[in-house]
């Protein structure tokens, strides 16, 4: 796998819906998509950390993108999926999505980078997680930068009451 650069347009995006909106991850940053399995909650973890999941014997930290992006309402249970991020981008990390979409190829689409933020800011509601926007024929695709997920969560922990996480035994 080649190094992924968020400022360079990807050829394809793995799309999904969150709260009815269309989001995507560059194909080269996605390892696989898995049905949501049992997620073990981590005591005192920020709400953005859904918990830990075991996939084929490997433990992955599962983040709730609805919380990271400050989207309202409860997540639907039926169509939720876990998108595992490629280990060269973020090791042992997955993100929960409401509903899986299609693979979209960006050839001929208006694809514009969004300004980057030097430090993730949980107060902003995750807008700094979006690295590009692509205008599709029917709607706008917001492309997320998975390298920003963990720094965002680390900052949320720092801003929490005591900054401590405890792991289940």
Protein backbone atom coordinates (compact mmCIF):
# COMPACT_ATOMS: atom_id res chain seq x y z
CA UNK A 1 0.00 0.00 0.00
CA UNK A 2 1.30 3.42 -0.85
CA UNK A 3 1.32 6.28 1.59
CA UNK A 4 -2.00 8.09 1.72
CA UNK A 5 -2.03 11.89 1.39
CA UNK A 6 -5.31 13.56 2.43
CA UNK A 7 -4.63 16.55 0.17
CA UNK A 8 -4.43 14.38 -2.96
CA UNK A 9 -7.75 13.26 -4.40
CA UNK A 10 -8.41 9.55 -4.05
CA UNK A 11 -9.58 7.53 -7.02
CA UNK A 12 -12.33 5.91 -5.02
CA UNK A 13 -14.27 6.29 -1.80
CA UNK A 14 -16.03 3.83 0.47
CA UNK A 15 -19.26 5.67 1.25
CA UNK A 16 -21.68 5.36 4.14
CA UNK A 17 -24.47 7.28 5.76
CA UNK A 18 -24.59 8.89 9.16
CA UNK A 19 -27.84 10.56 10.17
CA UNK A 20 -28.89 10.50 6.49
CA UNK A 21 -25.79 12.39 5.28
CA UNK A 22 -23.26 10.91 2.87
CA UNK A 23 -19.70 10.47 4.14
CA UNK A 24 -16.76 8.50 2.81
CA UNK A 25 -13.28 7.23 3.42
CA UNK A 26 -10.64 6.94 0.72
CA UNK A 27 -10.57 3.32 -0.45
CA UNK A 28 -6.85 3.01 0.27
CA UNK A 29 -7.51 3.73 3.97
CA UNK A 30 -10.12 0.97 4.43
CA UNK A 31 -9.04 -2.54 5.38
CA UNK A 32 -12.44 -4.20 5.46
CA UNK A 33 -16.07 -3.80 6.44
CA UNK A 34 -17.56 -6.04 9.07
CA UNK A 35 -21.04 -6.51 10.47
CA UNK A 36 -21.25 -4.98 13.92
CA UNK A 37 -20.39 -7.59 16.53
CA UNK A 38 -20.58 -7.31 20.29
CA UNK A 39 -18.87 -4.15 21.40
CA UNK A 40 -17.39 -4.13 24.91
CA UNK A 41 -17.82 -0.70 26.47
CA UNK A 42 -14.74 0.79 28.14
CA UNK A 43 -15.60 2.31 31.53
CA UNK A 44 -15.17 6.09 31.76
CA UNK A 45 -14.28 6.36 28.07
CA UNK A 46 -15.53 9.39 26.13
CA UNK A 47 -18.80 8.83 24.29
CA UNK A 48 -16.92 8.78 20.96
CA UNK A 49 -15.33 5.48 21.98
CA UNK A 50 -18.02 2.86 21.42
CA UNK A 51 -15.77 0.17 22.91
CA UNK A 52 -13.61 -2.73 21.81
CA UNK A 53 -14.53 -5.44 19.33
CA UNK A 54 -12.81 -8.71 18.54
CA UNK A 55 -12.52 -9.59 14.86
CA UNK A 56 -10.82 -12.91 14.11
CA UNK A 57 -8.98 -12.74 17.44
CA UNK A 58 -7.68 -9.18 17.02
CA UNK A 59 -8.99 -6.43 19.29
CA UNK A 60 -10.00 -3.17 17.59
CA UNK A 61 -10.99 0.11 19.16
CA UNK A 62 -14.41 1.08 17.78
CA UNK A 63 -15.21 4.77 17.44
CA UNK A 64 -18.73 6.10 17.01
CA UNK A 65 -18.60 8.52 14.09
CA UNK A 66 -22.02 9.92 15.01
CA UNK A 67 -20.51 11.22 18.25
CA UNK A 68 -17.27 12.39 16.60
CA UNK A 69 -19.27 14.43 14.10
CA UNK A 70 -21.78 15.65 16.73
CA UNK A 71 -24.75 14.23 14.84
CA UNK A 72 -28.08 14.15 16.69
CA UNK A 73 -30.30 11.24 17.54
CA UNK A 74 -29.74 7.59 18.32
CA UNK A 75 -27.98 5.39 15.79
CA UNK A 76 -30.05 2.79 13.95
CA UNK A 77 -29.16 -0.72 15.02
CA UNK A 78 -30.20 -2.83 12.02
CA UNK A 79 -27.79 -1.65 9.30
CA UNK A 80 -24.80 -0.56 11.41
CA UNK A 81 -21.41 -1.69 10.20
CA UNK A 82 -17.85 -1.47 11.45
CA UNK A 83 -15.39 -0.06 8.92
CA UNK A 84 -11.88 -1.20 9.82
CA UNK A 85 -9.15 1.26 8.99
CA UNK A 86 -6.03 0.00 7.22
CA UNK A 87 -3.28 -0.60 9.83
CA UNK A 88 -0.81 1.66 7.99
CA UNK A 89 -3.22 4.56 8.60
CA UNK A 90 -4.46 3.76 12.13
CA UNK A 91 -3.66 0.37 13.68
CA UNK A 92 -6.47 -1.69 15.24
CA UNK A 93 -9.13 0.95 14.70
CA UNK A 94 -12.65 0.76 13.36
CA UNK A 95 -15.49 3.23 13.00
CA UNK A 96 -19.21 2.59 13.34
CA UNK A 97 -21.42 3.77 10.49
CA UNK A 98 -25.22 3.79 10.24
CA UNK A 99 -25.55 2.31 6.78
CA UNK A 100 -23.02 1.23 4.17
CA UNK A 101 -23.16 2.97 0.80
CA UNK A 102 -21.50 2.27 -2.53
CA UNK A 103 -17.96 2.59 -3.78
CA UNK A 104 -17.78 5.94 -5.58
CA UNK A 105 -15.07 6.78 -8.09
CA UNK A 106 -14.15 10.43 -8.29
CA UNK A 107 -13.09 10.66 -11.92
CA UNK A 108 -14.69 13.78 -13.35
CA UNK A 109 -16.16 14.97 -10.04
CA UNK A 110 -15.49 18.32 -8.43
CA UNK A 111 -13.17 17.31 -5.59
CA UNK A 112 -11.99 20.09 -3.28
CA UNK A 113 -9.77 19.90 -0.20
CA UNK A 114 -11.08 21.56 2.93
CA UNK A 115 -8.86 23.60 5.22
CA UNK A 116 -6.99 21.51 7.75
CA UNK A 117 -6.80 22.15 11.46
CA UNK A 118 -3.50 21.66 13.25
CA UNK A 119 -5.16 20.31 16.38
CA UNK A 120 -8.39 18.36 16.49
CA UNK A 121 -11.12 20.18 18.38
CA UNK A 122 -13.93 18.07 19.91
CA UNK A 123 -15.81 21.26 20.72
CA UNK A 124 -16.27 22.01 16.97
CA UNK A 125 -18.24 18.82 16.45
CA UNK A 126 -15.78 16.99 14.23
CA UNK A 127 -15.79 19.30 11.21
CA UNK A 128 -12.01 19.10 11.34
CA UNK A 129 -12.27 15.37 10.54
CA UNK A 130 -13.41 16.23 7.00
CA UNK A 131 -10.50 16.56 4.57
CA UNK A 132 -12.29 16.84 1.20
CA UNK A 133 -15.69 17.41 -0.32
CA UNK A 134 -16.78 15.85 -3.59
CA UNK A 135 -19.84 17.01 -5.48
CA UNK A 136 -21.65 13.90 -6.71
CA UNK A 137 -24.47 14.22 -9.26
CA UNK A 138 -27.14 13.98 -6.54
CA UNK A 139 -25.45 15.16 -3.32
CA UNK A 140 -22.29 16.25 -1.56
CA UNK A 141 -19.85 13.63 -0.25
CA UNK A 142 -17.85 14.63 2.83
CA UNK A 143 -14.58 12.67 2.89
CA UNK A 144 -13.13 11.95 6.32
CA UNK A 145 -9.44 11.75 7.19
CA UNK A 146 -9.01 8.62 9.35
CA UNK A 147 -5.58 9.80 10.54
CA UNK A 148 -7.42 12.50 12.51
CA UNK A 149 -9.68 10.09 14.44
CA UNK A 150 -7.29 9.07 17.22
CA UNK A 151 -5.87 12.58 17.84
CA UNK A 152 -9.46 13.80 18.08
CA UNK A 153 -10.28 11.16 20.72
CA UNK A 154 -7.03 11.87 22.61
CA UNK A 155 -7.99 15.53 22.76
CA UNK A 156 -11.48 14.62 24.00
CA UNK A 157 -9.90 12.54 26.78
CA UNK A 158 -7.63 15.43 27.71
CA UNK A 159 -10.64 17.73 27.92
CA UNK A 160 -12.62 15.26 30.03
CA UNK A 161 -12.82 15.60 33.80
CA UNK A 162 -9.74 13.63 34.72
CA UNK A 163 -8.29 12.52 31.37
CA UNK A 164 -8.19 8.89 32.48
CA UNK A 165 -9.40 5.78 30.75
CA UNK A 166 -9.75 2.48 32.50
CA UNK A 167 -9.67 -0.77 30.59
CA UNK A 168 -12.02 -3.67 31.25
CA UNK A 169 -10.46 -6.64 33.02
